[in-house]
Amino acid sequence: MDSKLTLVLLMNHLSKEWKNIRVVNVDPGAIKTKMTAGEGMPFWMRPIRNLFFKSPEEGAKNLYEAAFEDESNESGVYISNGRARQMKIKITDAEVYWLI
């Protein structure tokens, strides 16, 4: 979780620095992968994984739509469940250099 948050914050910051590049953070949702089928998943969640997790194709569709079919062309947004949201947490320039 910390590495995902760090990446989202860094990309959000870079979206403001790189004015000519559109940066979009996308949460594809819970996806059925080898990792979620194995030891990386808590034992109690393994039985319900197939009921609630999306196929890799559905996750890829979410990523594709955010990159190519989102008409807002807004940069620095976080897309979750098909909805764009502005990040509430910001990082400073000093924190960016610490992350890199």
N, C-alpha and C. Protein backbone atom coordinates (compact mmCIF):
# COMPACT_ATOMS: atom_id res chain seq x y z
N MET A 1 0.83 -1.19 0.00
CA MET A 1 0.00 0.00 0.00
C MET A 1 0.87 1.25 0.00
N ASP A 2 1.92 1.27 0.79
CA ASP A 2 2.77 2.46 0.84
C ASP A 2 3.43 2.74 -0.50
N SER A 3 3.86 1.69 -1.20
CA SER A 3 4.51 1.91 -2.49
C SER A 3 3.52 2.44 -3.52
N LYS A 4 2.27 2.00 -3.47
CA LYS A 4 1.26 2.51 -4.40
C LYS A 4 0.97 3.98 -4.11
N LEU A 5 0.82 4.33 -2.84
CA LEU A 5 0.56 5.72 -2.47
C LEU A 5 1.74 6.61 -2.88
N THR A 6 2.94 6.14 -2.66
CA THR A 6 4.13 6.90 -3.05
C THR A 6 4.14 7.15 -4.55
N LEU A 7 3.84 6.14 -5.33
CA LEU A 7 3.82 6.28 -6.78
C LEU A 7 2.74 7.26 -7.23
N VAL A 8 1.55 7.18 -6.64
CA VAL A 8 0.47 8.09 -6.99
C VAL A 8 0.86 9.53 -6.65
N LEU A 9 1.43 9.75 -5.47
CA LEU A 9 1.84 11.10 -5.08
C LEU A 9 2.93 11.64 -5.99
N LEU A 10 3.88 10.80 -6.34
CA LEU A 10 4.96 11.24 -7.22
C LEU A 10 4.42 11.58 -8.61
N MET A 11 3.57 10.75 -9.16
CA MET A 11 3.00 11.02 -10.48
C MET A 11 2.11 12.27 -10.46
N ASN A 12 1.39 12.47 -9.37
CA ASN A 12 0.57 13.67 -9.24
C ASN A 12 1.45 14.92 -9.24
N HIS A 13 2.55 14.86 -8.54
CA HIS A 13 3.49 15.98 -8.50
C HIS A 13 4.09 16.22 -9.89
N LEU A 14 4.50 15.16 -10.55
CA LEU A 14 5.11 15.31 -11.87
C LEU A 14 4.12 15.84 -12.90
N SER A 15 2.84 15.55 -12.71
CA SER A 15 1.83 16.06 -13.65
C SER A 15 1.80 17.59 -13.64
N LYS A 16 2.16 18.18 -12.52
CA LYS A 16 2.21 19.64 -12.45
C LYS A 16 3.52 20.19 -13.01
N GLU A 17 4.58 19.40 -12.93
CA GLU A 17 5.88 19.81 -13.46
C GLU A 17 5.94 19.64 -14.98
N TRP A 18 5.40 18.57 -15.48
CA TRP A 18 5.45 18.25 -16.91
C TRP A 18 4.14 18.69 -17.55
N LYS A 19 4.06 19.92 -17.94
CA LYS A 19 2.82 20.50 -18.47
C LYS A 19 2.40 19.89 -19.81
N ASN A 20 3.36 19.40 -20.60
CA ASN A 20 3.02 18.87 -21.93
C ASN A 20 2.78 17.36 -21.93
N ILE A 21 2.77 16.73 -20.76
CA ILE A 21 2.52 15.29 -20.65
C ILE A 21 1.34 15.07 -19.72
N ARG A 22 0.38 14.29 -20.17
CA ARG A 22 -0.79 13.97 -19.33
C ARG A 22 -0.46 12.77 -18.45
N VAL A 23 -0.60 12.95 -17.16
CA VAL A 23 -0.33 11.89 -16.19
C VAL A 23 -1.64 11.53 -15.50
N VAL A 24 -2.02 10.26 -15.57
CA VAL A 24 -3.25 9.78 -14.95
C VAL A 24 -2.93 8.55 -14.12
N ASN A 25 -3.38 8.56 -12.88
CA ASN A 25 -3.23 7.40 -12.00
C ASN A 25 -4.53 6.63 -12.03
N VAL A 26 -4.45 5.32 -12.27
CA VAL A 26 -5.66 4.51 -12.39
C VAL A 26 -5.60 3.34 -11.41
N ASP A 27 -6.67 3.18 -10.67
CA ASP A 27 -6.85 2.00 -9.81
C ASP A 27 -7.70 1.02 -10.60
N PRO A 28 -7.12 -0.06 -11.12
CA PRO A 28 -7.91 -0.99 -11.92
C PRO A 28 -8.87 -1.83 -11.09
N GLY A 29 -8.76 -1.77 -9.79
CA GLY A 29 -9.62 -2.57 -8.92
C GLY A 29 -8.95 -3.88 -8.55
N ALA A 30 -9.66 -4.69 -7.80
CA ALA A 30 -9.14 -5.99 -7.39
C ALA A 30 -9.18 -6.94 -8.59
N ILE A 31 -8.01 -7.50 -8.92
CA ILE A 31 -7.86 -8.31 -10.12
C ILE A 31 -7.44 -9.74 -9.74
N LYS A 32 -7.99 -10.71 -10.47
CA LYS A 32 -7.59 -12.10 -10.28
C LYS A 32 -6.23 -12.30 -10.96
N THR A 33 -5.20 -12.50 -10.15
CA THR A 33 -3.85 -12.75 -10.67
C THR A 33 -3.24 -13.93 -9.92
N LYS A 34 -2.06 -14.33 -10.34
CA LYS A 34 -1.37 -15.40 -9.61
C LYS A 34 -1.08 -14.98 -8.18
N MET A 35 -0.78 -13.69 -7.99
CA MET A 35 -0.47 -13.21 -6.64
C MET A 35 -1.70 -13.29 -5.74
N THR A 36 -2.88 -12.95 -6.27
CA THR A 36 -4.08 -12.99 -5.42
C THR A 36 -4.60 -14.41 -5.24
N ALA A 37 -4.07 -15.35 -5.98
CA ALA A 37 -4.48 -16.74 -5.82
C ALA A 37 -3.55 -17.49 -4.88
N GLY A 38 -2.38 -16.92 -4.60
CA GLY A 38 -1.37 -17.65 -3.84
C GLY A 38 -1.17 -17.12 -2.43
N GLU A 39 0.04 -17.30 -1.96
CA GLU A 39 0.40 -16.95 -0.59
C GLU A 39 0.37 -15.45 -0.31
N GLY A 40 0.33 -14.63 -1.36
CA GLY A 40 0.28 -13.18 -1.17
C GLY A 40 -1.08 -12.70 -0.70
N MET A 41 -2.03 -13.58 -0.70
CA MET A 41 -3.40 -13.24 -0.32
C MET A 41 -3.72 -13.85 1.04
N PRO A 42 -4.38 -13.10 1.94
CA PRO A 42 -4.78 -13.69 3.23
C PRO A 42 -5.66 -14.92 2.98
N PHE A 43 -5.47 -15.95 3.76
CA PHE A 43 -6.16 -17.23 3.53
C PHE A 43 -7.68 -17.08 3.51
N TRP A 44 -8.21 -16.18 4.33
CA TRP A 44 -9.66 -16.04 4.42
C TRP A 44 -10.27 -15.36 3.19
N MET A 45 -9.42 -14.67 2.40
CA MET A 45 -9.93 -14.00 1.20
C MET A 45 -9.87 -14.88 -0.04
N ARG A 46 -9.07 -15.92 -0.01
CA ARG A 46 -8.92 -16.76 -1.20
C ARG A 46 -10.24 -17.35 -1.70
N PRO A 47 -11.13 -17.82 -0.82
CA PRO A 47 -12.39 -18.40 -1.32
C PRO A 47 -13.31 -17.36 -1.99
N ILE A 48 -13.25 -16.11 -1.57
CA ILE A 48 -14.15 -15.11 -2.14
C ILE A 48 -13.52 -14.35 -3.31
N ARG A 49 -12.28 -14.62 -3.58
CA ARG A 49 -11.56 -13.95 -4.67
C ARG A 49 -12.30 -14.08 -6.00
N ASN A 50 -12.74 -15.27 -6.33
CA ASN A 50 -13.39 -15.50 -7.62
C ASN A 50 -14.76 -14.82 -7.71
N LEU A 51 -15.36 -14.53 -6.57
CA LEU A 51 -16.67 -13.87 -6.57
C LEU A 51 -16.58 -12.37 -6.80
N PHE A 52 -15.55 -11.74 -6.23
CA PHE A 52 -15.49 -10.28 -6.22
C PHE A 52 -14.38 -9.66 -7.05
N PHE A 53 -13.36 -10.41 -7.38
CA PHE A 53 -12.25 -9.83 -8.13
C PHE A 53 -12.53 -9.91 -9.62
N LYS A 54 -12.06 -8.90 -10.36
CA LYS A 54 -12.27 -8.83 -11.81
C LYS A 54 -11.22 -9.65 -12.54
N SER A 55 -11.54 -9.96 -13.78
CA SER A 55 -10.57 -10.66 -14.63
C SER A 55 -9.48 -9.67 -15.04
N PRO A 56 -8.30 -10.17 -15.41
CA PRO A 56 -7.25 -9.26 -15.89
C PRO A 56 -7.71 -8.44 -17.10
N GLU A 57 -8.57 -8.99 -17.93
CA GLU A 57 -9.07 -8.26 -19.09
C GLU A 57 -9.89 -7.05 -18.67
N GLU A 58 -10.70 -7.21 -17.62
CA GLU A 58 -11.50 -6.08 -17.14
C GLU A 58 -10.61 -4.99 -16.54
N GLY A 59 -9.57 -5.40 -15.83
CA GLY A 59 -8.62 -4.43 -15.29
C GLY A 59 -7.90 -3.68 -16.39
N ALA A 60 -7.50 -4.41 -17.44
CA ALA A 60 -6.83 -3.78 -18.58
C ALA A 60 -7.78 -2.82 -19.29
N LYS A 61 -9.06 -3.17 -19.36
CA LYS A 61 -10.05 -2.29 -19.99
C LYS A 61 -10.15 -0.98 -19.22
N ASN A 62 -10.12 -1.04 -17.89
CA ASN A 62 -10.15 0.18 -17.07
C ASN A 62 -8.95 1.07 -17.37
N LEU A 63 -7.78 0.45 -17.49
CA LEU A 63 -6.57 1.22 -17.79
C LEU A 63 -6.65 1.85 -19.17
N TYR A 64 -7.11 1.08 -20.15
CA TYR A 64 -7.22 1.58 -21.53
C TYR A 64 -8.19 2.75 -21.60
N GLU A 65 -9.35 2.60 -20.98
CA GLU A 65 -10.35 3.66 -21.02
C GLU A 65 -9.85 4.94 -20.38
N ALA A 66 -9.13 4.82 -19.27
CA ALA A 66 -8.58 6.00 -18.62
C ALA A 66 -7.55 6.70 -19.49
N ALA A 67 -6.76 5.92 -20.21
CA ALA A 67 -5.70 6.51 -21.03
C ALA A 67 -6.22 7.08 -22.34
N PHE A 68 -7.17 6.40 -22.98
CA PHE A 68 -7.53 6.78 -24.35
C PHE A 68 -8.97 7.25 -24.55
N GLU A 69 -9.86 6.97 -23.61
CA GLU A 69 -11.26 7.33 -23.83
C GLU A 69 -11.77 8.39 -22.86
N ASP A 70 -10.93 8.82 -21.93
CA ASP A 70 -11.32 9.88 -21.01
C ASP A 70 -11.23 11.21 -21.76
N GLU A 71 -12.36 11.88 -21.94
CA GLU A 71 -12.40 13.09 -22.74
C GLU A 71 -11.96 14.34 -21.98
N SER A 72 -11.78 14.25 -20.68
CA SER A 72 -11.43 15.45 -19.92
C SER A 72 -9.99 15.89 -20.19
N ASN A 73 -9.13 14.95 -20.54
CA ASN A 73 -7.71 15.23 -20.76
C ASN A 73 -7.06 15.90 -19.56
N GLU A 74 -7.64 15.71 -18.40
CA GLU A 74 -7.12 16.30 -17.18
C GLU A 74 -5.89 15.51 -16.71
N SER A 75 -4.89 16.22 -16.25
CA SER A 75 -3.67 15.59 -15.77
C SER A 75 -3.65 15.63 -14.25
N GLY A 76 -3.01 14.65 -13.64
CA GLY A 76 -2.86 14.64 -12.19
C GLY A 76 -4.08 14.13 -11.45
N VAL A 77 -4.95 13.40 -12.13
CA VAL A 77 -6.13 12.87 -11.47
C VAL A 77 -5.91 11.41 -11.08
N TYR A 78 -6.71 10.97 -10.15
CA TYR A 78 -6.70 9.57 -9.71
C TYR A 78 -8.05 8.99 -10.10
N ILE A 79 -8.05 7.96 -10.93
CA ILE A 79 -9.30 7.37 -11.40
C ILE A 79 -9.53 6.05 -10.68
N SER A 80 -10.67 5.98 -10.01
CA SER A 80 -11.08 4.78 -9.29
C SER A 80 -12.56 4.56 -9.56
N ASN A 81 -12.91 3.33 -9.88
CA ASN A 81 -14.30 2.99 -10.22
C ASN A 81 -14.84 3.86 -11.35
N GLY A 82 -13.98 4.20 -12.30
CA GLY A 82 -14.39 4.97 -13.46
C GLY A 82 -14.60 6.45 -13.22
N ARG A 83 -14.27 6.94 -12.03
CA ARG A 83 -14.47 8.35 -11.70
C ARG A 83 -13.15 9.02 -11.36
N ALA A 84 -12.93 10.19 -11.95
CA ALA A 84 -11.71 10.94 -11.68
C ALA A 84 -11.88 11.75 -10.40
N ARG A 85 -10.82 11.73 -9.61
CA ARG A 85 -10.81 12.50 -8.36
C ARG A 85 -9.48 13.22 -8.25
N GLN A 86 -9.50 14.39 -7.66
CA GLN A 86 -8.26 15.10 -7.37
C GLN A 86 -7.67 14.50 -6.10
N MET A 87 -6.35 14.39 -6.06
CA MET A 87 -5.70 13.87 -4.87
C MET A 87 -5.80 14.89 -3.74
N LYS A 88 -6.15 14.45 -2.56
CA LYS A 88 -6.26 15.34 -1.42
C LYS A 88 -4.92 15.54 -0.73
N ILE A 89 -4.01 14.60 -0.93
CA ILE A 89 -2.70 14.66 -0.30
C ILE A 89 -1.70 15.19 -1.32
N LYS A 90 -0.90 16.14 -0.92
CA LYS A 90 0.12 16.71 -1.79
C LYS A 90 1.49 16.49 -1.15
N ILE A 91 2.52 16.50 -1.98
CA ILE A 91 3.89 16.41 -1.46
C ILE A 91 4.66 17.64 -1.90
N THR A 92 5.66 17.98 -1.12
CA THR A 92 6.48 19.15 -1.42
C THR A 92 7.64 18.76 -2.34
N ASP A 93 8.30 19.76 -2.90
CA ASP A 93 9.46 19.48 -3.75
C ASP A 93 10.53 18.72 -2.98
N ALA A 94 10.74 19.08 -1.73
CA ALA A 94 11.77 18.39 -0.93
C ALA A 94 11.43 16.91 -0.76
N GLU A 95 10.15 16.62 -0.55
CA GLU A 95 9.73 15.22 -0.39
C GLU A 95 9.89 14.44 -1.69
N VAL A 96 9.68 15.09 -2.83
CA VAL A 96 9.85 14.42 -4.12
C VAL A 96 11.30 13.96 -4.27
N TYR A 97 12.24 14.83 -3.97
CA TYR A 97 13.65 14.46 -4.11
C TYR A 97 14.04 13.36 -3.13
N TRP A 98 13.37 13.31 -1.99
CA TRP A 98 13.64 12.24 -1.04
C TRP A 98 13.11 10.91 -1.58
N LEU A 99 11.98 10.95 -2.29
CA LEU A 99 11.39 9.74 -2.84
C LEU A 99 12.23 9.16 -3.98
N ILE A 100 12.82 10.06 -4.77
CA ILE A 100 13.59 9.61 -5.94
C ILE A 100 14.91 9.11 -5.44
